[in-house]
Structure formats: C-alpha cells, structure tokens
Amino acid sequence: TVIANIRDINVGELNKKLGERGFAISNGYGKLKDKTFRIAHMGDLTLEEVKELLACIEEILGL
C-alpha cells in the first residue's frame, strides 16, 4: 500500500524507530521518494500485525 506523505514525515527516521520495534516500511520511488511511503502486506502477514504496525506509526508520530 502506498501512503501519501502529506505530513512531510522523515521516512528514514520513522523506519529506524519502527525497526527498533520489529517493523519496516519503504520510501516511494523516483520523484515520489519523499512524497510517499509504502507498507508491504503480502504473504504471511495477519490483520493483527498490520494493526500493530499502524499503532506503532501513530505512537511514534504522536497521533
């Protein structure tokens, strides 16, 4: 899933903090590198894991 980075989040810093919690996300590509980020959710990933990732993102960003 691609998310528009409308809050101008430092994705590298967010990813570093997520890594400390066992998660990882990716920047967008090319011209969209800093304007989007991506969350992979294919394969052996449960809904609960996605919810946990989103909760971590919200906590890190203070949302």
Protein backbone atom coordinates (compact mmCIF):
# COMPACT_ATOMS: atom_id res chain seq x y z
CA THR A 1 0.00 0.00 0.00
CA VAL A 2 1.28 3.47 -0.87
CA ILE A 3 0.58 6.33 1.52
CA ALA A 4 0.86 10.00 0.58
CA ASN A 5 3.33 11.71 2.90
CA ILE A 6 1.22 14.84 3.39
CA ARG A 7 2.74 15.45 6.85
CA ASP A 8 6.28 15.62 5.42
CA ILE A 9 7.36 12.75 7.67
CA ASN A 10 11.06 11.84 7.72
CA VAL A 11 10.52 8.28 6.49
CA GLY A 12 14.12 7.26 7.25
CA GLU A 13 13.75 8.29 10.89
CA LEU A 14 10.31 6.69 11.13
CA ASN A 15 11.69 3.47 9.65
CA LYS A 16 14.59 3.49 12.13
CA LYS A 17 12.17 3.75 15.05
CA LEU A 18 9.92 1.09 13.54
CA GLY A 19 12.95 -1.18 13.14
CA GLU A 20 13.51 -0.97 16.90
CA ARG A 21 10.02 -2.46 17.22
CA GLY A 22 10.49 -5.17 14.59
CA PHE A 23 8.82 -3.42 11.64
CA ALA A 24 9.99 -1.81 8.39
CA ILE A 25 8.45 0.38 5.70
CA SER A 26 9.89 1.80 2.46
CA ASN A 27 10.11 5.17 0.74
CA GLY A 28 8.41 5.80 -2.56
CA TYR A 29 10.33 5.57 -5.84
CA GLY A 30 11.87 8.27 -8.01
CA LYS A 31 10.06 11.60 -7.89
CA LEU A 32 7.75 10.21 -5.21
CA LYS A 33 10.59 9.14 -2.89
CA ASP A 34 9.88 11.73 -0.19
CA LYS A 35 6.23 12.26 -1.10
CA THR A 36 5.05 8.73 -0.34
CA PHE A 37 5.94 5.67 1.69
CA ARG A 38 4.98 2.05 1.25
CA ILE A 39 3.73 -0.64 3.59
CA ALA A 40 4.13 -4.19 2.31
CA HIS A 41 1.37 -6.54 3.40
CA MET A 42 1.64 -9.51 1.09
CA GLY A 43 2.50 -13.02 2.17
CA ASP A 44 2.30 -14.34 5.69
CA LEU A 45 1.03 -11.20 7.40
CA THR A 46 -2.03 -11.11 9.62
CA LEU A 47 -4.52 -8.30 10.13
CA GLU A 48 -3.34 -8.06 13.74
CA GLU A 49 0.24 -7.46 12.57
CA VAL A 50 -0.91 -4.67 10.26
CA LYS A 51 -2.90 -3.12 13.11
CA GLU A 52 0.17 -3.34 15.37
CA LEU A 53 2.32 -1.62 12.72
CA LEU A 54 -0.24 1.17 12.30
CA ALA A 55 -0.45 1.60 16.08
CA CYS A 56 3.36 1.89 16.24
CA ILE A 57 3.34 4.52 13.48
CA GLU A 58 0.66 6.51 15.30
CA GLU A 59 2.58 6.31 18.59
CA ILE A 60 5.91 7.33 17.02
CA LEU A 61 4.31 10.26 15.22
CA GLY A 62 2.29 11.29 18.27
CA LEU A 63 -1.06 10.89 16.52
